[in-house]
């Protein structure tokens, strides 16, 4: 069994209301050969009580709200389609991180040494720092 990660930049109707993010129209798959990078992303997706972001009052990660739509849903026939997705392929609730968290990993070897990941970070690096990026593990 392999564990893969797809980043889902979350579309928001209003930038000042990130809690209103209800969809992702973009899929950014990462290379399966990025285990160290995946571990770091997973670690950063859970806010620690002693983190700078927590102390300064900024929330940098959380669980996806209900009715999040993307092209990773499955229809009755088992085909991938656009629809509501609230869990990853393992049945765990989807989590998100701020783009700034992922931007801080731009110099990680798993990004610098892999063409697919470089392409994903080209997108991530032009996002606003407070944009939410959903993490879909499969």
N, C-alpha and C. Protein backbone atom coordinates (compact mmCIF):
# COMPACT_ATOMS: atom_id res chain seq x y z
N UNK A 1 0.85 -1.18 0.00
CA UNK A 1 0.00 0.00 0.00
C UNK A 1 0.89 1.24 0.00
N UNK A 2 0.55 2.21 -0.82
CA UNK A 2 1.32 3.45 -0.83
C UNK A 2 0.46 4.58 -0.29
N UNK A 3 1.11 5.53 0.29
CA UNK A 3 0.40 6.72 0.78
C UNK A 3 0.79 7.87 -0.13
N UNK A 4 -0.20 8.50 -0.71
CA UNK A 4 0.00 9.65 -1.57
C UNK A 4 -0.67 10.86 -0.94
N UNK A 5 -0.29 12.03 -1.41
CA UNK A 5 -0.87 13.27 -0.92
C UNK A 5 -1.19 14.17 -2.10
N UNK A 6 -2.41 14.68 -2.10
CA UNK A 6 -2.83 15.67 -3.09
C UNK A 6 -3.20 16.94 -2.34
N UNK A 7 -2.64 18.06 -2.77
CA UNK A 7 -2.95 19.37 -2.19
C UNK A 7 -4.13 19.96 -2.94
N UNK A 8 -5.08 20.53 -2.20
CA UNK A 8 -6.30 21.08 -2.79
C UNK A 8 -6.45 22.54 -2.35
N UNK A 9 -5.97 23.50 -3.15
CA UNK A 9 -6.17 24.91 -2.81
C UNK A 9 -7.66 25.21 -2.72
N UNK A 10 -8.08 25.83 -1.64
CA UNK A 10 -9.51 26.02 -1.37
C UNK A 10 -9.98 27.37 -1.91
N UNK A 11 -11.01 27.31 -2.73
CA UNK A 11 -11.62 28.50 -3.32
C UNK A 11 -12.52 29.16 -2.28
N UNK A 12 -12.36 30.46 -2.10
CA UNK A 12 -13.19 31.22 -1.16
C UNK A 12 -13.91 32.33 -1.89
N UNK A 13 -15.16 32.52 -1.56
CA UNK A 13 -15.93 33.60 -2.17
C UNK A 13 -15.42 34.96 -1.69
N UNK A 14 -15.03 35.03 -0.41
CA UNK A 14 -14.54 36.29 0.15
C UNK A 14 -13.25 36.01 0.90
N UNK A 15 -12.21 36.77 0.60
CA UNK A 15 -10.92 36.57 1.26
C UNK A 15 -10.98 36.80 2.75
N UNK A 16 -11.87 37.68 3.21
CA UNK A 16 -11.93 37.99 4.64
C UNK A 16 -12.75 36.96 5.41
N UNK A 17 -13.31 35.96 4.71
CA UNK A 17 -14.10 34.93 5.37
C UNK A 17 -13.60 33.55 4.97
N UNK A 18 -12.38 33.15 5.44
CA UNK A 18 -11.84 31.86 5.03
C UNK A 18 -12.71 30.69 5.48
N UNK A 19 -13.55 30.88 6.49
CA UNK A 19 -14.42 29.79 6.91
C UNK A 19 -15.47 29.48 5.85
N UNK A 20 -15.63 30.35 4.87
CA UNK A 20 -16.59 30.13 3.80
C UNK A 20 -16.02 29.35 2.62
N UNK A 21 -14.82 28.81 2.79
CA UNK A 21 -14.18 28.07 1.71
C UNK A 21 -14.90 26.75 1.52
N UNK A 22 -15.51 26.60 0.36
CA UNK A 22 -16.32 25.41 0.18
C UNK A 22 -15.95 24.54 -0.98
N UNK A 23 -14.84 24.84 -1.69
CA UNK A 23 -14.52 24.03 -2.86
C UNK A 23 -13.05 24.17 -3.23
N UNK A 24 -12.58 23.16 -3.96
CA UNK A 24 -11.26 23.23 -4.59
C UNK A 24 -11.43 22.79 -6.03
N UNK A 25 -11.02 23.64 -6.94
CA UNK A 25 -11.11 23.33 -8.37
C UNK A 25 -9.75 22.90 -8.92
N UNK A 26 -8.75 22.82 -8.05
CA UNK A 26 -7.38 22.50 -8.47
C UNK A 26 -6.87 21.31 -7.67
N UNK A 27 -6.25 20.35 -8.34
CA UNK A 27 -5.62 19.21 -7.69
C UNK A 27 -4.12 19.30 -7.93
N UNK A 28 -3.34 19.26 -6.86
CA UNK A 28 -1.89 19.31 -6.96
C UNK A 28 -1.31 18.02 -6.36
N UNK A 29 -1.22 16.96 -7.17
CA UNK A 29 -0.67 15.71 -6.64
C UNK A 29 0.82 15.85 -6.38
N UNK A 30 1.28 15.21 -5.30
CA UNK A 30 2.70 15.21 -4.98
C UNK A 30 3.29 13.85 -5.30
N UNK A 31 4.59 13.80 -5.46
CA UNK A 31 5.28 12.57 -5.79
C UNK A 31 5.20 11.57 -4.65
N UNK A 32 4.98 10.32 -5.00
CA UNK A 32 4.92 9.25 -4.02
C UNK A 32 6.27 9.06 -3.31
N UNK A 33 7.34 9.52 -3.92
CA UNK A 33 8.68 9.35 -3.36
C UNK A 33 9.05 10.47 -2.39
N UNK A 34 8.09 11.05 -1.72
CA UNK A 34 8.34 12.23 -0.88
C UNK A 34 8.01 11.97 0.58
N UNK A 35 8.40 10.82 1.11
CA UNK A 35 8.02 10.44 2.47
C UNK A 35 8.44 11.47 3.53
N UNK A 36 9.67 11.98 3.47
CA UNK A 36 10.12 12.96 4.47
C UNK A 36 9.29 14.24 4.38
N UNK A 37 8.99 14.66 3.16
CA UNK A 37 8.16 15.84 2.96
C UNK A 37 6.76 15.60 3.51
N UNK A 38 6.20 14.43 3.24
CA UNK A 38 4.86 14.09 3.73
C UNK A 38 4.81 14.13 5.25
N UNK A 39 5.84 13.58 5.90
CA UNK A 39 5.89 13.58 7.37
C UNK A 39 5.91 15.00 7.91
N UNK A 40 6.67 15.87 7.25
CA UNK A 40 6.76 17.26 7.70
C UNK A 40 5.43 17.98 7.50
N UNK A 41 4.77 17.76 6.38
CA UNK A 41 3.46 18.38 6.14
C UNK A 41 2.45 17.89 7.18
N UNK A 42 2.46 16.59 7.45
CA UNK A 42 1.53 16.05 8.45
C UNK A 42 1.80 16.66 9.82
N UNK A 43 3.06 16.76 10.19
CA UNK A 43 3.43 17.35 11.48
C UNK A 43 2.94 18.79 11.57
N UNK A 44 3.13 19.55 10.50
CA UNK A 44 2.74 20.96 10.51
C UNK A 44 1.23 21.16 10.43
N UNK A 45 0.50 20.13 10.03
CA UNK A 45 -0.95 20.28 9.92
C UNK A 45 -1.66 20.20 11.26
N UNK A 46 -0.92 19.90 12.31
CA UNK A 46 -1.49 19.86 13.66
C UNK A 46 -0.81 20.94 14.48
N UNK A 47 -1.58 21.92 14.90
CA UNK A 47 -1.03 23.04 15.66
C UNK A 47 -0.61 22.55 17.05
N UNK A 48 0.61 22.88 17.41
CA UNK A 48 1.11 22.56 18.74
C UNK A 48 0.83 23.76 19.66
N UNK A 49 0.55 23.51 20.90
CA UNK A 49 0.19 24.59 21.81
C UNK A 49 1.33 25.58 22.04
N UNK A 50 2.56 25.21 21.75
CA UNK A 50 3.68 26.13 21.96
C UNK A 50 4.17 26.75 20.65
N UNK A 51 3.40 26.63 19.58
CA UNK A 51 3.85 27.18 18.31
C UNK A 51 3.69 28.69 18.27
N UNK A 52 4.52 29.35 17.50
CA UNK A 52 4.47 30.81 17.35
C UNK A 52 3.10 31.23 16.82
N UNK A 53 2.57 30.48 15.86
CA UNK A 53 1.29 30.82 15.27
C UNK A 53 0.17 30.78 16.30
N UNK A 54 0.23 29.83 17.20
CA UNK A 54 -0.78 29.73 18.25
C UNK A 54 -0.64 30.88 19.23
N UNK A 55 0.58 31.19 19.60
CA UNK A 55 0.83 32.26 20.57
C UNK A 55 0.39 33.61 20.02
N UNK A 56 0.64 33.86 18.74
CA UNK A 56 0.25 35.14 18.14
C UNK A 56 -1.24 35.19 17.80
N UNK A 57 -1.96 34.12 18.10
CA UNK A 57 -3.40 34.12 17.88
C UNK A 57 -3.84 33.70 16.49
N UNK A 58 -2.90 33.29 15.65
CA UNK A 58 -3.24 32.86 14.29
C UNK A 58 -3.51 31.36 14.27
N UNK A 59 -4.57 30.99 13.60
CA UNK A 59 -4.85 29.58 13.38
C UNK A 59 -4.23 29.20 12.04
N UNK A 60 -3.39 28.17 12.02
CA UNK A 60 -2.71 27.81 10.78
C UNK A 60 -3.18 26.49 10.20
N UNK A 61 -4.05 25.77 10.90
CA UNK A 61 -4.55 24.50 10.37
C UNK A 61 -5.86 24.15 11.06
N UNK A 62 -6.57 23.20 10.48
CA UNK A 62 -7.82 22.76 11.07
C UNK A 62 -8.48 21.70 10.22
N UNK A 63 -9.67 21.30 10.64
CA UNK A 63 -10.44 20.32 9.89
C UNK A 63 -11.35 21.03 8.90
N UNK A 64 -11.60 20.36 7.78
CA UNK A 64 -12.48 20.89 6.73
C UNK A 64 -13.91 20.92 7.24
N UNK A 65 -14.59 22.01 6.91
CA UNK A 65 -15.99 22.12 7.27
C UNK A 65 -16.83 21.23 6.35
N UNK A 66 -18.10 21.05 6.70
CA UNK A 66 -19.02 20.26 5.87
C UNK A 66 -19.18 20.90 4.50
N UNK A 67 -19.57 20.09 3.54
CA UNK A 67 -19.90 20.53 2.18
C UNK A 67 -18.71 21.03 1.38
N UNK A 68 -17.52 20.53 1.65
CA UNK A 68 -16.35 20.86 0.84
C UNK A 68 -16.41 20.02 -0.43
N UNK A 69 -16.36 20.67 -1.59
CA UNK A 69 -16.47 19.97 -2.86
C UNK A 69 -15.16 20.01 -3.63
N UNK A 70 -14.86 18.91 -4.29
CA UNK A 70 -13.67 18.82 -5.13
C UNK A 70 -13.84 17.64 -6.09
N UNK A 71 -12.90 17.47 -6.98
CA UNK A 71 -12.97 16.39 -7.95
C UNK A 71 -12.33 15.12 -7.40
N UNK A 72 -12.61 14.76 -6.17
CA UNK A 72 -12.13 13.52 -5.58
C UNK A 72 -13.27 12.72 -4.95
N UNK A 73 -14.50 13.10 -5.27
CA UNK A 73 -15.66 12.36 -4.77
C UNK A 73 -15.84 11.11 -5.62
N UNK A 74 -16.70 10.23 -5.19
CA UNK A 74 -16.99 9.00 -5.92
C UNK A 74 -18.50 8.88 -6.10
N UNK A 75 -18.92 8.55 -7.31
CA UNK A 75 -20.36 8.38 -7.56
C UNK A 75 -20.78 6.94 -7.25
N UNK A 76 -22.06 6.63 -7.51
CA UNK A 76 -22.60 5.31 -7.21
C UNK A 76 -21.88 4.19 -7.95
N UNK A 77 -21.34 4.48 -9.12
CA UNK A 77 -20.63 3.48 -9.92
C UNK A 77 -19.16 3.34 -9.52
N UNK A 78 -18.73 4.12 -8.53
CA UNK A 78 -17.35 4.07 -8.07
C UNK A 78 -16.38 4.91 -8.88
N UNK A 79 -16.92 5.75 -9.76
CA UNK A 79 -16.08 6.61 -10.58
C UNK A 79 -15.79 7.92 -9.86
N UNK A 80 -14.60 8.46 -10.10
CA UNK A 80 -14.23 9.75 -9.52
C UNK A 80 -15.04 10.84 -10.21
N UNK A 81 -15.55 11.76 -9.40
CA UNK A 81 -16.36 12.85 -9.94
C UNK A 81 -16.26 14.06 -9.00
N UNK A 82 -16.83 15.16 -9.42
CA UNK A 82 -16.89 16.35 -8.59
C UNK A 82 -18.02 16.17 -7.59
N UNK A 83 -17.74 16.43 -6.32
CA UNK A 83 -18.77 16.30 -5.29
C UNK A 83 -18.21 16.60 -3.92
N UNK A 84 -19.02 16.38 -2.90
CA UNK A 84 -18.65 16.67 -1.52
C UNK A 84 -17.66 15.62 -1.01
N UNK A 85 -16.58 16.09 -0.41
CA UNK A 85 -15.56 15.23 0.18
C UNK A 85 -15.22 15.80 1.55
N UNK A 86 -15.39 15.01 2.59
CA UNK A 86 -15.06 15.48 3.94
C UNK A 86 -14.04 14.58 4.63
N UNK A 87 -13.73 13.43 3.98
CA UNK A 87 -12.75 12.50 4.53
C UNK A 87 -11.74 12.13 3.46
N UNK A 88 -10.55 11.73 3.92
CA UNK A 88 -9.56 11.26 2.95
C UNK A 88 -9.85 9.80 2.60
N UNK A 89 -8.99 9.18 1.82
CA UNK A 89 -9.21 7.80 1.39
C UNK A 89 -9.16 6.80 2.54
N UNK A 90 -8.66 7.22 3.70
CA UNK A 90 -8.56 6.35 4.87
C UNK A 90 -9.67 6.60 5.89
N UNK A 91 -10.64 7.46 5.52
CA UNK A 91 -11.77 7.73 6.40
C UNK A 91 -11.49 8.75 7.48
N UNK A 92 -10.36 9.42 7.43
CA UNK A 92 -10.03 10.46 8.41
C UNK A 92 -10.55 11.80 7.90
N UNK A 93 -11.00 12.67 8.80
CA UNK A 93 -11.49 13.98 8.36
C UNK A 93 -10.39 14.75 7.63
N UNK A 94 -10.77 15.41 6.54
CA UNK A 94 -9.81 16.23 5.80
C UNK A 94 -9.33 17.37 6.68
N UNK A 95 -8.05 17.69 6.55
CA UNK A 95 -7.46 18.82 7.26
C UNK A 95 -6.96 19.82 6.24
N UNK A 96 -6.78 21.05 6.68
CA UNK A 96 -6.21 22.09 5.84
C UNK A 96 -5.07 22.76 6.59
N UNK A 97 -4.17 23.38 5.82
CA UNK A 97 -3.12 24.23 6.38
C UNK A 97 -3.11 25.52 5.58
N UNK A 98 -2.63 26.57 6.17
CA UNK A 98 -2.47 27.84 5.46
C UNK A 98 -1.34 27.68 4.43
N UNK A 99 -1.46 28.37 3.32
CA UNK A 99 -0.44 28.32 2.28
C UNK A 99 0.92 28.70 2.84
N UNK A 100 0.96 29.61 3.80
CA UNK A 100 2.24 30.03 4.39
C UNK A 100 2.98 28.86 5.02
N UNK A 101 2.25 27.89 5.56
CA UNK A 101 2.88 26.71 6.15
C UNK A 101 3.60 25.92 5.07
N UNK A 102 2.93 25.70 3.94
CA UNK A 102 3.56 24.97 2.84
C UNK A 102 4.66 25.79 2.18
N UNK A 103 4.46 27.10 2.08
CA UNK A 103 5.49 27.97 1.50
C UNK A 103 6.79 27.88 2.29
N UNK A 104 6.69 27.64 3.60
CA UNK A 104 7.88 27.53 4.44
C UNK A 104 8.70 26.28 4.10
N UNK A 105 8.11 25.36 3.34
CA UNK A 105 8.81 24.13 2.95
C UNK A 105 9.41 24.19 1.55
N UNK A 106 9.44 25.35 0.95
CA UNK A 106 9.93 25.50 -0.43
C UNK A 106 11.35 24.99 -0.64
N UNK A 107 12.19 25.05 0.39
CA UNK A 107 13.57 24.60 0.26
C UNK A 107 13.79 23.18 0.76
N UNK A 108 12.72 22.49 1.10
CA UNK A 108 12.81 21.09 1.55
C UNK A 108 13.33 20.24 0.39
N UNK A 109 14.18 19.27 0.68
CA UNK A 109 14.73 18.39 -0.37
C UNK A 109 13.64 17.70 -1.17
N UNK A 110 12.52 17.37 -0.53
CA UNK A 110 11.41 16.72 -1.22
C UNK A 110 10.74 17.61 -2.24
N UNK A 111 10.94 18.91 -2.12
CA UNK A 111 10.43 19.86 -3.11
C UNK A 111 11.51 20.14 -4.15
N UNK A 112 12.69 20.50 -3.69
CA UNK A 112 13.78 20.91 -4.59
C UNK A 112 14.23 19.81 -5.54
N UNK A 113 14.16 18.55 -5.09
CA UNK A 113 14.72 17.45 -5.87
C UNK A 113 13.68 16.62 -6.61
N UNK A 114 12.48 17.16 -6.78
CA UNK A 114 11.43 16.40 -7.45
C UNK A 114 10.63 17.32 -8.36
N UNK A 115 10.58 17.01 -9.64
CA UNK A 115 9.93 17.89 -10.62
C UNK A 115 8.43 18.07 -10.34
N UNK A 116 7.71 17.00 -10.01
CA UNK A 116 6.28 17.10 -9.74
C UNK A 116 6.02 18.02 -8.54
N UNK A 117 6.82 17.87 -7.49
CA UNK A 117 6.65 18.70 -6.31
C UNK A 117 7.05 20.15 -6.58
N UNK A 118 8.07 20.36 -7.40
CA UNK A 118 8.45 21.73 -7.78
C UNK A 118 7.27 22.42 -8.46
N UNK A 119 6.57 21.69 -9.32
CA UNK A 119 5.41 22.27 -10.01
C UNK A 119 4.31 22.62 -9.02
N UNK A 120 4.04 21.76 -8.06
CA UNK A 120 3.02 22.04 -7.04
C UNK A 120 3.42 23.28 -6.23
N UNK A 121 4.70 23.38 -5.87
CA UNK A 121 5.14 24.54 -5.07
C UNK A 121 5.18 25.82 -5.88
N UNK A 122 5.32 25.74 -7.18
CA UNK A 122 5.21 26.95 -8.00
C UNK A 122 3.83 27.56 -7.81
N UNK A 123 2.81 26.71 -7.76
CA UNK A 123 1.44 27.17 -7.52
C UNK A 123 1.31 27.67 -6.07
N UNK A 124 1.75 26.87 -5.11
CA UNK A 124 1.62 27.21 -3.69
C UNK A 124 2.31 28.54 -3.39
N UNK A 125 3.47 28.77 -3.98
CA UNK A 125 4.24 29.98 -3.68
C UNK A 125 3.61 31.27 -4.20
N UNK A 126 2.66 31.18 -5.14
CA UNK A 126 1.99 32.40 -5.58
C UNK A 126 0.65 32.61 -4.88
N UNK A 127 0.28 31.68 -4.00
CA UNK A 127 -0.96 31.83 -3.23
C UNK A 127 -0.77 32.88 -2.13
N UNK A 128 -1.87 33.52 -1.74
CA UNK A 128 -1.82 34.40 -0.59
C UNK A 128 -1.47 33.56 0.64
N UNK A 129 -0.67 34.08 1.56
CA UNK A 129 -0.24 33.29 2.72
C UNK A 129 -1.39 32.73 3.55
N UNK A 130 -2.54 33.43 3.58
CA UNK A 130 -3.65 32.95 4.41
C UNK A 130 -4.64 32.06 3.66
N UNK A 131 -4.29 31.66 2.43
CA UNK A 131 -5.16 30.75 1.68
C UNK A 131 -5.09 29.37 2.32
N UNK A 132 -6.24 28.70 2.43
CA UNK A 132 -6.28 27.35 2.97
C UNK A 132 -5.99 26.34 1.86
N UNK A 133 -5.19 25.33 2.22
CA UNK A 133 -4.86 24.24 1.31
C UNK A 133 -5.28 22.95 2.01
N UNK A 134 -6.24 22.24 1.42
CA UNK A 134 -6.70 20.97 1.98
C UNK A 134 -5.69 19.88 1.67
N UNK A 135 -5.57 18.91 2.56
CA UNK A 135 -4.65 17.78 2.42
C UNK A 135 -5.47 16.52 2.23
N UNK A 136 -5.35 15.91 1.05
CA UNK A 136 -6.08 14.68 0.77
C UNK A 136 -5.08 13.53 0.70
N UNK A 137 -5.10 12.68 1.72
CA UNK A 137 -4.21 11.52 1.79
C UNK A 137 -4.90 10.33 1.15
N UNK A 138 -4.20 9.64 0.25
CA UNK A 138 -4.77 8.44 -0.37
C UNK A 138 -3.71 7.40 -0.65
